[in-house]
PDB file of all heavy atoms in Angstrom:
ATOM      1  N   THR A   1     111.107  53.146 128.313  1.00  0.00           N
ATOM      2  CA  THR A   1     111.800  54.184 127.534  1.00  0.00           C
ATOM      3  C   THR A   1     111.771  55.531 128.264  1.00  0.00           C
ATOM      4  O   THR A   1     112.204  56.541 127.728  1.00  0.00           O
ATOM      5  CB  THR A   1     111.140  54.349 126.157  1.00  0.00           C
ATOM      6  OG1 THR A   1     109.747  54.669 126.321  1.00  0.00           O
ATOM      7  CG2 THR A   1     111.279  53.083 125.331  1.00  0.00           C
ATOM      8  N   GLU A   2     111.238  55.510 129.501  1.00  0.00           N
ATOM      9  CA  GLU A   2     111.072  56.753 130.253  1.00  0.00           C
ATOM     10  C   GLU A   2     112.185  56.976 131.269  1.00  0.00           C
ATOM     11  O   GLU A   2     112.156  57.958 132.005  1.00  0.00           O
ATOM     12  CB  GLU A   2     109.721  56.731 130.977  1.00  0.00           C
ATOM     13  CG  GLU A   2     108.535  56.466 130.059  1.00  0.00           C
ATOM     14  CD  GLU A   2     107.287  56.102 130.850  1.00  0.00           C
ATOM     15  OE1 GLU A   2     106.786  56.991 131.571  1.00  0.00           O
ATOM     16  OE2 GLU A   2     106.828  54.950 130.769  1.00  0.00           O
ATOM     17  N   GLY A   3     113.154  56.055 131.320  1.00  0.00           N
ATOM     18  CA  GLY A   3     114.230  56.185 132.291  1.00  0.00           C
ATOM     19  C   GLY A   3     113.759  56.052 133.721  1.00  0.00           C
ATOM     20  O   GLY A   3     114.233  56.749 134.624  1.00  0.00           O
ATOM     21  N   LEU A   4     112.808  55.110 133.949  1.00  0.00           N
ATOM     22  CA  LEU A   4     112.241  54.941 135.285  1.00  0.00           C
ATOM     23  C   LEU A   4     112.913  53.829 136.079  1.00  0.00           C
ATOM     24  O   LEU A   4     113.092  53.950 137.290  1.00  0.00           O
ATOM     25  CB  LEU A   4     110.734  54.647 135.182  1.00  0.00           C
ATOM     26  CG  LEU A   4     109.830  55.818 134.849  1.00  0.00           C
ATOM     27  CD1 LEU A   4     108.396  55.344 134.642  1.00  0.00           C
ATOM     28  CD2 LEU A   4     109.878  56.858 135.964  1.00  0.00           C
ATOM     29  N   ILE A   5     113.251  52.726 135.411  1.00  0.00           N
ATOM     30  CA  ILE A   5     113.757  51.572 136.161  1.00  0.00           C
ATOM     31  C   ILE A   5     115.104  51.105 135.605  1.00  0.00           C
ATOM     32  O   ILE A   5     115.333  51.152 134.406  1.00  0.00           O
ATOM     33  CB  ILE A   5     112.759  50.396 136.161  1.00  0.00           C
ATOM     34  CG1 ILE A   5     112.454  49.914 134.732  1.00  0.00           C
ATOM     35  CG2 ILE A   5     111.475  50.779 136.873  1.00  0.00           C
ATOM     36  CD1 ILE A   5     111.579  48.672 134.670  1.00  0.00           C
ATOM     37  N   ASN A   6     115.951  50.716 136.557  1.00  0.00           N
ATOM     38  CA  ASN A   6     117.252  50.129 136.250  1.00  0.00           C
ATOM     39  C   ASN A   6     118.325  51.165 135.937  1.00  0.00           C
ATOM     40  O   ASN A   6     118.040  52.285 135.554  1.00  0.00           O
ATOM     41  CB  ASN A   6     117.151  49.123 135.095  1.00  0.00           C
ATOM     42  CG  ASN A   6     117.976  47.887 135.377  1.00  0.00           C
ATOM     43  OD1 ASN A   6     119.154  47.989 135.656  1.00  0.00           O
ATOM     44  ND2 ASN A   6     117.338  46.727 135.325  1.00  0.00           N
ATOM     45  N   TYR A   7     119.575  50.746 136.095  1.00  0.00           N
ATOM     46  CA  TYR A   7     120.745  51.592 135.881  1.00  0.00           C
ATOM     47  C   TYR A   7     120.618  52.866 136.739  1.00  0.00           C
ATOM     48  O   TYR A   7     120.327  52.793 137.909  1.00  0.00           O
ATOM     49  CB  TYR A   7     120.928  51.890 134.393  1.00  0.00           C
ATOM     50  CG  TYR A   7     120.829  50.647 133.517  1.00  0.00           C
ATOM     51  CD1 TYR A   7     119.816  50.510 132.565  1.00  0.00           C
ATOM     52  CD2 TYR A   7     121.719  49.585 133.675  1.00  0.00           C
ATOM     53  CE1 TYR A   7     119.714  49.364 131.775  1.00  0.00           C
ATOM     54  CE2 TYR A   7     121.620  48.433 132.892  1.00  0.00           C
ATOM     55  CZ  TYR A   7     120.607  48.330 131.949  1.00  0.00           C
ATOM     56  OH  TYR A   7     120.505  47.200 131.186  1.00  0.00           O
ATOM     57  N   LYS A   8     120.801  54.024 136.152  1.00  0.00           N
ATOM     58  CA  LYS A   8     120.720  55.278 136.907  1.00  0.00           C
ATOM     59  C   LYS A   8     119.358  55.947 136.697  1.00  0.00           C
ATOM     60  O   LYS A   8     119.255  57.159 136.473  1.00  0.00           O
ATOM     61  CB  LYS A   8     121.839  56.229 136.474  1.00  0.00           C
ATOM     62  CG  LYS A   8     123.218  55.804 136.940  1.00  0.00           C
ATOM     63  CD  LYS A   8     123.355  55.968 138.451  1.00  0.00           C
ATOM     64  CE  LYS A   8     124.762  55.661 138.933  1.00  0.00           C
ATOM     65  NZ  LYS A   8     124.906  55.845 140.386  1.00  0.00           N
ATOM     66  N   ALA A   9     118.303  55.169 136.784  1.00  0.00           N
ATOM     67  CA  ALA A   9     116.961  55.655 136.476  1.00  0.00           C
ATOM     68  C   ALA A   9     116.395  56.526 137.605  1.00  0.00           C
ATOM     69  O   ALA A   9     116.942  56.593 138.701  1.00  0.00           O
ATOM     70  CB  ALA A   9     116.042  54.473 136.219  1.00  0.00           C
ATOM     71  N   ARG A  10     115.261  57.167 137.308  1.00  0.00           N
ATOM     72  CA  ARG A  10     114.657  58.109 138.252  1.00  0.00           C
ATOM     73  C   ARG A  10     113.959  57.408 139.413  1.00  0.00           C
ATOM     74  O   ARG A  10     113.978  57.902 140.534  1.00  0.00           O
ATOM     75  CB  ARG A  10     113.651  59.010 137.531  1.00  0.00           C
ATOM     76  CG  ARG A  10     114.292  60.009 136.577  1.00  0.00           C
ATOM     77  CD  ARG A  10     113.250  60.927 135.974  1.00  0.00           C
ATOM     78  NE  ARG A  10     112.426  60.231 134.975  1.00  0.00           N
ATOM     79  CZ  ARG A  10     111.115  60.069 135.071  1.00  0.00           C
ATOM     80  NH1 ARG A  10     110.471  60.510 136.135  1.00  0.00           N
ATOM     81  NH2 ARG A  10     110.435  59.463 134.116  1.00  0.00           N
ATOM     82  N   PHE A  11     113.334  56.270 139.148  1.00  0.00           N
ATOM     83  CA  PHE A  11     112.556  55.591 140.175  1.00  0.00           C
ATOM     84  C   PHE A  11     113.353  54.473 140.851  1.00  0.00           C
ATOM     85  O   PHE A  11     113.513  54.463 142.070  1.00  0.00           O
ATOM     86  CB  PHE A  11     111.258  55.050 139.566  1.00  0.00           C
ATOM     87  CG  PHE A  11     110.456  54.181 140.494  1.00  0.00           C
ATOM     88  CD1 PHE A  11     110.252  54.548 141.821  1.00  0.00           C
ATOM     89  CD2 PHE A  11     109.886  52.995 140.041  1.00  0.00           C
ATOM     90  CE1 PHE A  11     109.511  53.742 142.684  1.00  0.00           C
ATOM     91  CE2 PHE A  11     109.141  52.187 140.892  1.00  0.00           C
ATOM     92  CZ  PHE A  11     108.955  52.556 142.215  1.00  0.00           C
ATOM     93  N   VAL A  12     113.846  53.528 140.082  1.00  0.00           N
ATOM     94  CA  VAL A  12     114.636  52.421 140.633  1.00  0.00           C
ATOM     95  C   VAL A  12     116.018  52.427 140.012  1.00  0.00           C
ATOM     96  O   VAL A  12     116.152  52.434 138.781  1.00  0.00           O
ATOM     97  CB  VAL A  12     113.969  51.057 140.357  1.00  0.00           C
ATOM     98  CG1 VAL A  12     114.786  49.934 141.029  1.00  0.00           C
ATOM     99  CG2 VAL A  12     112.540  51.019 140.866  1.00  0.00           C
ATOM    100  N   ARG A  13     117.024  52.413 140.855  1.00  0.00           N
ATOM    101  CA  ARG A  13     118.406  52.368 140.385  1.00  0.00           C
ATOM    102  C   ARG A  13     119.014  51.013 140.687  1.00  0.00           C
ATOM    103  O   ARG A  13     118.693  50.385 141.696  1.00  0.00           O
ATOM    104  CB  ARG A  13     119.229  53.473 141.050  1.00  0.00           C
ATOM    105  CG  ARG A  13     118.764  54.873 140.685  1.00  0.00           C
ATOM    106  CD  ARG A  13     119.539  55.935 141.415  1.00  0.00           C
ATOM    107  NE  ARG A  13     119.006  57.259 141.154  1.00  0.00           N
ATOM    108  CZ  ARG A  13     119.360  58.366 141.798  1.00  0.00           C
ATOM    109  NH1 ARG A  13     120.272  58.285 142.761  1.00  0.00           N
ATOM    110  NH2 ARG A  13     118.814  59.528 141.499  1.00  0.00           N
ATOM    111  N   GLN A  14     119.919  50.579 139.823  1.00  0.00           N
ATOM    112  CA  GLN A  14     120.621  49.323 140.051  1.00  0.00           C
ATOM    113  C   GLN A  14     122.104  49.530 139.808  1.00  0.00           C
ATOM    114  O   GLN A  14     122.512  50.020 138.756  1.00  0.00           O
ATOM    115  CB  GLN A  14     120.086  48.215 139.136  1.00  0.00           C
ATOM    116  CG  GLN A  14     120.720  46.853 139.435  1.00  0.00           C
ATOM    117  CD  GLN A  14     120.183  45.739 138.567  1.00  0.00           C
ATOM    118  OE1 GLN A  14     119.580  45.995 137.518  1.00  0.00           O
ATOM    119  NE2 GLN A  14     120.401  44.491 138.965  1.00  0.00           N
ATOM    120  N   ILE A  15     122.889  49.175 140.787  1.00  0.00           N
ATOM    121  CA  ILE A  15     124.351  49.304 140.681  1.00  0.00           C
ATOM    122  C   ILE A  15     124.865  47.952 140.193  1.00  0.00           C
ATOM    123  O   ILE A  15     125.225  47.069 140.981  1.00  0.00           O
ATOM    124  CB  ILE A  15     124.988  49.702 142.025  1.00  0.00           C
ATOM    125  CG1 ILE A  15     124.259  50.901 142.635  1.00  0.00           C
ATOM    126  CG2 ILE A  15     126.472  50.006 141.824  1.00  0.00           C
ATOM    127  CD1 ILE A  15     124.215  52.128 141.742  1.00  0.00           C
ATOM    128  N   ILE A  16     124.893  47.781 138.881  1.00  0.00           N
ATOM    129  CA  ILE A  16     125.145  46.478 138.278  1.00  0.00           C
ATOM    130  C   ILE A  16     126.623  46.107 138.263  1.00  0.00           C
ATOM    131  O   ILE A  16     127.501  46.956 138.454  1.00  0.00           O
ATOM    132  CB  ILE A  16     124.593  46.431 136.832  1.00  0.00           C
ATOM    133  CG1 ILE A  16     125.295  47.460 135.963  1.00  0.00           C
ATOM    134  CG2 ILE A  16     123.092  46.655 136.819  1.00  0.00           C
ATOM    135  CD1 ILE A  16     124.952  47.349 134.477  1.00  0.00           C
ATOM    136  N   ARG A  17     126.868  44.827 138.037  1.00  0.00           N
ATOM    137  CA  ARG A  17     128.237  44.365 137.836  1.00  0.00           C
ATOM    138  C   ARG A  17     128.767  44.955 136.533  1.00  0.00           C
ATOM    139  O   ARG A  17     128.020  45.288 135.626  1.00  0.00           O
ATOM    140  CB  ARG A  17     128.272  42.834 137.752  1.00  0.00           C
ATOM    141  CG  ARG A  17     127.889  42.136 139.039  1.00  0.00           C
ATOM    142  CD  ARG A  17     127.893  40.632 138.893  1.00  0.00           C
ATOM    143  NE  ARG A  17     126.904  40.184 137.926  1.00  0.00           N
ATOM    144  CZ  ARG A  17     127.186  39.609 136.769  1.00  0.00           C
ATOM    145  NH1 ARG A  17     128.436  39.398 136.411  1.00  0.00           N
ATOM    146  NH2 ARG A  17     126.219  39.229 135.958  1.00  0.00           N
ATOM    147  N   GLY A  18     130.068  45.045 136.441  1.00  0.00           N
ATOM    148  CA  GLY A  18     130.658  45.578 135.212  1.00  0.00           C
ATOM    149  C   GLY A  18     131.289  46.935 135.443  1.00  0.00           C
ATOM    150  O   GLY A  18     131.341  47.451 136.566  1.00  0.00           O
ATOM    151  N   ASN A  19     131.759  47.531 134.391  1.00  0.00           N
ATOM    152  CA  ASN A  19     132.422  48.838 134.428  1.00  0.00           C
ATOM    153  C   ASN A  19     133.644  48.839 135.356  1.00  0.00           C
ATOM    154  O   ASN A  19     134.064  49.886 135.825  1.00  0.00           O
ATOM    155  CB  ASN A  19     131.445  49.942 134.865  1.00  0.00           C
ATOM    156  CG  ASN A  19     130.256  50.061 133.927  1.00  0.00           C
ATOM    157  OD1 ASN A  19     130.408  49.912 132.712  1.00  0.00           O
ATOM    158  ND2 ASN A  19     129.080  50.308 134.473  1.00  0.00           N
ATOM    159  N   GLY A  20     134.181  47.649 135.619  1.00  0.00           N
ATOM    160  CA  GLY A  20     135.412  47.566 136.397  1.00  0.00           C
ATOM    161  C   GLY A  20     135.239  47.695 137.894  1.00  0.00           C
ATOM    162  O   GLY A  20     136.221  47.595 138.636  1.00  0.00           O
ATOM    163  N   ALA A  21     134.018  47.917 138.394  1.00  0.00           N
ATOM    164  CA  ALA A  21     133.805  48.097 139.826  1.00  0.00           C
ATOM    165  C   ALA A  21     133.863  46.753 140.552  1.00  0.00           C
ATOM    166  O   ALA A  21     133.279  45.772 140.095  1.00  0.00           O
ATOM    167  CB  ALA A  21     132.461  48.768 140.075  1.00  0.00           C
ATOM    168  N   THR A  22     134.567  46.724 141.674  1.00  0.00           N
ATOM    169  CA  THR A  22     134.608  45.514 142.491  1.00  0.00           C
ATOM    170  C   THR A  22     133.315  45.409 143.299  1.00  0.00           C
ATOM    171  O   THR A  22     132.541  46.369 143.401  1.00  0.00           O
ATOM    172  CB  THR A  22     135.796  45.546 143.460  1.00  0.00           C
ATOM    173  OG1 THR A  22     135.595  46.615 144.409  1.00  0.00           O
ATOM    174  CG2 THR A  22     137.103  45.765 142.709  1.00  0.00           C
ATOM    175  N   PHE A  23     133.113  44.250 143.899  1.00  0.00           N
ATOM    176  CA  PHE A  23     131.933  44.074 144.755  1.00  0.00           C
ATOM    177  C   PHE A  23     131.949  45.090 145.891  1.00  0.00           C
ATOM    178  O   PHE A  23     130.918  45.701 146.213  1.00  0.00           O
ATOM    179  CB  PHE A  23     131.908  42.650 145.314  1.00  0.00           C
ATOM    180  CG  PHE A  23     130.747  42.388 146.238  1.00  0.00           C
ATOM    181  CD1 PHE A  23     129.517  41.989 145.727  1.00  0.00           C
ATOM    182  CD2 PHE A  23     130.885  42.535 147.616  1.00  0.00           C
ATOM    183  CE1 PHE A  23     128.443  41.750 146.574  1.00  0.00           C
ATOM    184  CE2 PHE A  23     129.816  42.296 148.469  1.00  0.00           C
ATOM    185  CZ  PHE A  23     128.593  41.902 147.944  1.00  0.00           C
ATOM    186  N   GLU A  24     133.107  45.295 146.501  1.00  0.00           N
ATOM    187  CA  GLU A  24     133.223  46.223 147.624  1.00  0.00           C
ATOM    188  C   GLU A  24     132.939  47.654 147.182  1.00  0.00           C
ATOM    189  O   GLU A  24     132.315  48.428 147.925  1.00  0.00           O
ATOM    190  CB  GLU A  24     134.621  46.134 148.252  1.00  0.00           C
ATOM    191  CG  GLU A  24     134.887  44.844 149.023  1.00  0.00           C
ATOM    192  CD  GLU A  24     135.039  43.618 148.112  1.00  0.00           C
ATOM    193  OE1 GLU A  24     135.363  43.794 146.915  1.00  0.00           O
ATOM    194  OE2 GLU A  24     134.837  42.489 148.604  1.00  0.00           O
ATOM    195  N   GLU A  25     133.380  48.019 145.989  1.00  0.00           N
ATOM    196  CA  GLU A  25     133.097  49.359 145.473  1.00  0.00           C
ATOM    197  C   GLU A  25     131.612  49.544 145.214  1.00  0.00           C
ATOM    198  O   GLU A  25     131.043  50.607 145.505  1.00  0.00           O
ATOM    199  CB  GLU A  25     133.913  49.609 144.198  1.00  0.00           C
ATOM    200  CG  GLU A  25     135.405  49.785 144.451  1.00  0.00           C
ATOM    201  CD  GLU A  25     136.241  49.737 143.183  1.00  0.00           C
ATOM    202  OE1 GLU A  25     135.741  49.228 142.148  1.00  0.00           O
ATOM    203  OE2 GLU A  25     137.391  50.211 143.221  1.00  0.00           O
ATOM    204  N   ARG A  26     130.977  48.522 144.656  1.00  0.00           N
ATOM    205  CA  ARG A  26     129.528  48.597 144.426  1.00  0.00           C
ATOM    206  C   ARG A  26     128.786  48.721 145.749  1.00  0.00           C
ATOM    207  O   ARG A  26     127.827  49.495 145.881  1.00  0.00           O
ATOM    208  CB  ARG A  26     129.043  47.358 143.674  1.00  0.00           C
ATOM    209  CG  ARG A  26     129.490  47.302 142.224  1.00  0.00           C
ATOM    210  CD  ARG A  26     129.220  45.931 141.653  1.00  0.00           C
ATOM    211  NE  ARG A  26     127.802  45.596 141.650  1.00  0.00           N
ATOM    212  CZ  ARG A  26     127.318  44.364 141.779  1.00  0.00           C
ATOM    213  NH1 ARG A  26     128.145  43.336 141.944  1.00  0.00           N
ATOM    214  NH2 ARG A  26     126.022  44.155 141.763  1.00  0.00           N
ATOM    215  N   LEU A  27     129.236  47.967 146.748  1.00  0.00           N
ATOM    216  CA  LEU A  27     128.601  48.008 148.058  1.00  0.00           C
ATOM    217  C   LEU A  27     128.705  49.408 148.665  1.00  0.00           C
ATOM    218  O   LEU A  27     127.731  49.927 149.242  1.00  0.00           O
ATOM    219  CB  LEU A  27     129.263  46.981 148.975  1.00  0.00           C
ATOM    220  CG  LEU A  27     128.544  46.612 150.270  1.00  0.00           C
ATOM    221  CD1 LEU A  27     127.203  45.957 149.978  1.00  0.00           C
ATOM    222  CD2 LEU A  27     129.419  45.670 151.095  1.00  0.00           C
ATOM    223  N   ALA A  28     129.858  50.029 148.513  1.00  0.00           N
ATOM    224  CA  ALA A  28     130.057  51.373 149.047  1.00  0.00           C
ATOM    225  C   ALA A  28     129.165  52.389 148.326  1.00  0.00           C
ATOM    226  O   ALA A  28     128.594  53.285 148.952  1.00  0.00           O
ATOM    227  CB  ALA A  28     131.523  51.776 148.914  1.00  0.00           C
ATOM    228  N   ILE A  29     129.046  52.247 147.009  1.00  0.00           N
ATOM    229  CA  ILE A  29     128.174  53.140 146.231  1.00  0.00           C
ATOM    230  C   ILE A  29     126.722  52.986 146.685  1.00  0.00           C
ATOM    231  O   ILE A  29     126.002  53.970 146.897  1.00  0.00           O
ATOM    232  CB  ILE A  29     128.296  52.845 144.722  1.00  0.00           C
ATOM    233  CG1 ILE A  29     129.690  53.228 144.219  1.00  0.00           C
ATOM    234  CG2 ILE A  29     127.224  53.597 143.928  1.00  0.00           C
ATOM    235  CD1 ILE A  29     129.993  52.732 142.814  1.00  0.00           C
ATOM    236  N   ILE A  30     126.286  51.741 146.816  1.00  0.00           N
ATOM    237  CA  ILE A  30     124.905  51.474 147.235  1.00  0.00           C
ATOM    238  C   ILE A  30     124.642  52.061 148.617  1.00  0.00           C
ATOM    239  O   ILE A  30     123.632  52.733 148.843  1.00  0.00           O
ATOM    240  CB  ILE A  30     124.617  49.957 147.222  1.00  0.00           C
ATOM    241  CG1 ILE A  30     124.542  49.465 145.774  1.00  0.00           C
ATOM    242  CG2 ILE A  30     123.328  49.630 147.967  1.00  0.00           C
ATOM    243  CD1 ILE A  30     124.500  47.952 145.639  1.00  0.00           C
ATOM    244  N   ARG A  31     125.571  51.832 149.544  1.00  0.00           N
ATOM    245  CA  ARG A  31     125.385  52.346 150.897  1.00  0.00           C
ATOM    246  C   ARG A  31     125.274  53.872 150.895  1.00  0.00           C
ATOM    247  O   ARG A  31     124.400  54.450 151.554  1.00  0.00           O
ATOM    248  CB  ARG A  31     126.540  51.893 151.795  1.00  0.00           C
ATOM    249  CG  ARG A  31     126.385  52.333 153.249  1.00  0.00           C
ATOM    250  CD  ARG A  31     127.496  51.800 154.136  1.00  0.00           C
ATOM    251  NE  ARG A  31     127.344  50.374 154.386  1.00  0.00           N
ATOM    252  CZ  ARG A  31     128.133  49.439 153.889  1.00  0.00           C
ATOM    253  NH1 ARG A  31     129.135  49.770 153.060  1.00  0.00           N
ATOM    254  NH2 ARG A  31     127.952  48.166 154.174  1.00  0.00           N
ATOM    255  N   SER A  32     126.129  54.512 150.123  1.00  0.00           N
ATOM    256  CA  SER A  32     126.130  55.970 150.058  1.00  0.00           C
ATOM    257  C   SER A  32     124.845  56.510 149.431  1.00  0.00           C
ATOM    258  O   SER A  32     124.220  57.443 149.956  1.00  0.00           O
ATOM    259  CB  SER A  32     127.345  56.450 149.257  1.00  0.00           C
ATOM    260  OG  SER A  32     127.309  57.847 149.084  1.00  0.00           O
ATOM    261  N   GLU A  33     124.413  55.904 148.319  1.00  0.00           N
ATOM    262  CA  GLU A  33     123.226  56.408 147.620  1.00  0.00           C
ATOM    263  C   GLU A  33     121.951  56.108 148.409  1.00  0.00           C
ATOM    264  O   GLU A  33     121.021  56.924 148.422  1.00  0.00           O
ATOM    265  CB  GLU A  33     123.160  55.824 146.206  1.00  0.00           C
ATOM    266  CG  GLU A  33     124.290  56.305 145.317  1.00  0.00           C
ATOM    267  CD  GLU A  33     124.009  56.095 143.833  1.00  0.00           C
ATOM    268  OE1 GLU A  33     122.872  55.753 143.478  1.00  0.00           O
ATOM    269  OE2 GLU A  33     124.950  56.289 143.028  1.00  0.00           O
ATOM    270  N   VAL A  34     121.897  54.956 149.053  1.00  0.00           N
ATOM    271  CA  VAL A  34     120.729  54.637 149.881  1.00  0.00           C
ATOM    272  C   VAL A  34     120.630  55.611 151.045  1.00  0.00           C
ATOM    273  O   VAL A  34     119.536  56.108 151.368  1.00  0.00           O
ATOM    274  CB  VAL A  34     120.803  53.176 150.377  1.00  0.00           C
ATOM    275  CG1 VAL A  34     119.825  52.941 151.535  1.00  0.00           C
ATOM    276  CG2 VAL A  34     120.486  52.216 149.238  1.00  0.00           C
ATOM    277  N   GLN A  35     121.750  55.914 151.688  1.00  0.00           N
ATOM    278  CA  GLN A  35     121.738  56.871 152.783  1.00  0.00           C
ATOM    279  C   GLN A  35     121.284  58.251 152.314  1.00  0.00           C
ATOM    280  O   GLN A  35     120.556  58.952 153.031  1.00  0.00           O
ATOM    281  CB  GLN A  35     123.121  56.956 153.422  1.00  0.00           C
ATOM    282  CG  GLN A  35     123.473  55.734 154.270  1.00  0.00           C
ATOM    283  CD  GLN A  35     124.885  55.793 154.823  1.00  0.00           C
ATOM    284  OE1 GLN A  35     125.677  56.672 154.481  1.00  0.00           O
ATOM    285  NE2 GLN A  35     125.216  54.844 155.695  1.00  0.00           N
ATOM    286  N   ALA A  36     121.678  58.623 151.100  1.00  0.00           N
ATOM    287  CA  ALA A  36     121.254  59.912 150.552  1.00  0.00           C
ATOM    288  C   ALA A  36     119.738  59.946 150.345  1.00  0.00           C
ATOM    289  O   ALA A  36     119.083  60.958 150.636  1.00  0.00           O
ATOM    290  CB  ALA A  36     121.968  60.176 149.228  1.00  0.00           C
ATOM    291  N   VAL A  37     119.177  58.851 149.845  1.00  0.00           N
ATOM    292  CA  VAL A  37     117.722  58.781 149.660  1.00  0.00           C
ATOM    293  C   VAL A  37     117.024  58.831 151.014  1.00  0.00           C
ATOM    294  O   VAL A  37     116.014  59.529 151.194  1.00  0.00           O
ATOM    295  CB  VAL A  37     117.321  57.499 148.894  1.00  0.00           C
ATOM    296  CG1 VAL A  37     115.799  57.362 148.820  1.00  0.00           C
ATOM    297  CG2 VAL A  37     117.906  57.510 147.487  1.00  0.00           C
ATOM    298  N   GLU A  38     117.553  58.089 151.993  1.00  0.00           N
ATOM    299  CA  GLU A  38     116.950  58.086 153.325  1.00  0.00           C
ATOM    300  C   GLU A  38     116.953  59.481 153.931  1.00  0.00           C
ATOM    301  O   GLU A  38     115.950  59.922 154.529  1.00  0.00           O
ATOM    302  CB  GLU A  38     117.715  57.116 154.232  1.00  0.00           C
ATOM    303  CG  GLU A  38     117.473  55.650 153.903  1.00  0.00           C
ATOM    304  CD  GLU A  38     118.319  54.701 154.722  1.00  0.00           C
ATOM    305  OE1 GLU A  38     119.421  55.099 155.152  1.00  0.00           O
ATOM    306  OE2 GLU A  38     117.881  53.559 154.931  1.00  0.00           O
ATOM    307  N   MET A  39     118.031  60.201 153.763  1.00  0.00           N
ATOM    308  CA  MET A  39     118.102  61.568 154.285  1.00  0.00           C
ATOM    309  C   MET A  39     117.126  62.478 153.565  1.00  0.00           C
ATOM    310  O   MET A  39     116.439  63.294 154.179  1.00  0.00           O
ATOM    311  CB  MET A  39     119.528  62.099 154.166  1.00  0.00           C
ATOM    312  CG  MET A  39     120.518  61.430 155.099  1.00  0.00           C
ATOM    313  SD  MET A  39     122.210  62.081 154.911  1.00  0.00           S
ATOM    314  CE  MET A  39     121.969  63.783 155.412  1.00  0.00           C
ATOM    315  N   ALA A  40     117.035  62.330 152.240  1.00  0.00           N
ATOM    316  CA  ALA A  40     116.146  63.177 151.446  1.00  0.00           C
ATOM    317  C   ALA A  40     114.682  62.991 151.821  1.00  0.00           C
ATOM    318  O   ALA A  40     113.884  63.938 151.751  1.00  0.00           O
ATOM    319  CB  ALA A  40     116.346  62.888 149.958  1.00  0.00           C
ATOM    320  N   PHE A  41     114.320  61.775 152.235  1.00  0.00           N
ATOM    321  CA  PHE A  41     112.918  61.484 152.560  1.00  0.00           C
ATOM    322  C   PHE A  41     112.685  61.338 154.067  1.00  0.00           C
ATOM    323  O   PHE A  41     111.652  60.834 154.493  1.00  0.00           O
ATOM    324  CB  PHE A  41     112.473  60.218 151.832  1.00  0.00           C
ATOM    325  CG  PHE A  41     112.232  60.431 150.363  1.00  0.00           C
ATOM    326  CD1 PHE A  41     113.270  60.285 149.436  1.00  0.00           C
ATOM    327  CD2 PHE A  41     110.981  60.809 149.888  1.00  0.00           C
ATOM    328  CE1 PHE A  41     113.058  60.489 148.080  1.00  0.00           C
ATOM    329  CE2 PHE A  41     110.755  61.011 148.536  1.00  0.00           C
ATOM    330  CZ  PHE A  41     111.795  60.850 147.633  1.00  0.00           C
ATOM    331  N   GLY A  42     113.661  61.798 154.858  1.00  0.00           N
ATOM    332  CA  GLY A  42     113.457  61.845 156.304  1.00  0.00           C
ATOM    333  C   GLY A  42     113.517  60.517 157.014  1.00  0.00           C
ATOM    334  O   GLY A  42     112.970  60.374 158.111  1.00  0.00           O
ATOM    335  N   LEU A  43     114.171  59.527 156.406  1.00  0.00           N
ATOM    336  CA  LEU A  43     114.313  58.220 157.055  1.00  0.00           C
ATOM    337  C   LEU A  43     115.614  58.211 157.838  1.00  0.00           C
ATOM    338  O   LEU A  43     116.617  57.639 157.420  1.00  0.00           O
ATOM    339  CB  LEU A  43     114.307  57.100 156.006  1.00  0.00           C
ATOM    340  CG  LEU A  43     113.063  57.017 155.120  1.00  0.00           C
ATOM    341  CD1 LEU A  43     113.218  55.898 154.104  1.00  0.00           C
ATOM    342  CD2 LEU A  43     111.821  56.790 155.962  1.00  0.00           C
ATOM    343  N   THR A  44     115.603  58.829 159.000  1.00  0.00           N
ATOM    344  CA  THR A  44     116.849  58.997 159.758  1.00  0.00           C
ATOM    345  C   THR A  44     117.082  57.883 160.753  1.00  0.00           C
ATOM    346  O   THR A  44     118.163  57.767 161.306  1.00  0.00           O
ATOM    347  CB  THR A  44     116.828  60.331 160.519  1.00  0.00           C
ATOM    348  OG1 THR A  44     115.650  60.360 161.370  1.00  0.00           O
ATOM    349  CG2 THR A  44     116.764  61.496 159.549  1.00  0.00           C
TER     350      THR A  44
END
């Protein structure tokens, strides 16, 4: 109930099926958000 895991949570996020997004769109979102996390934490 703390918004920590799953969906758009603070700790673990999941880009789930649904909401009309295609597999390729989900893949692009994941790639973009993962790269943002890597940059934020110095994983270059």
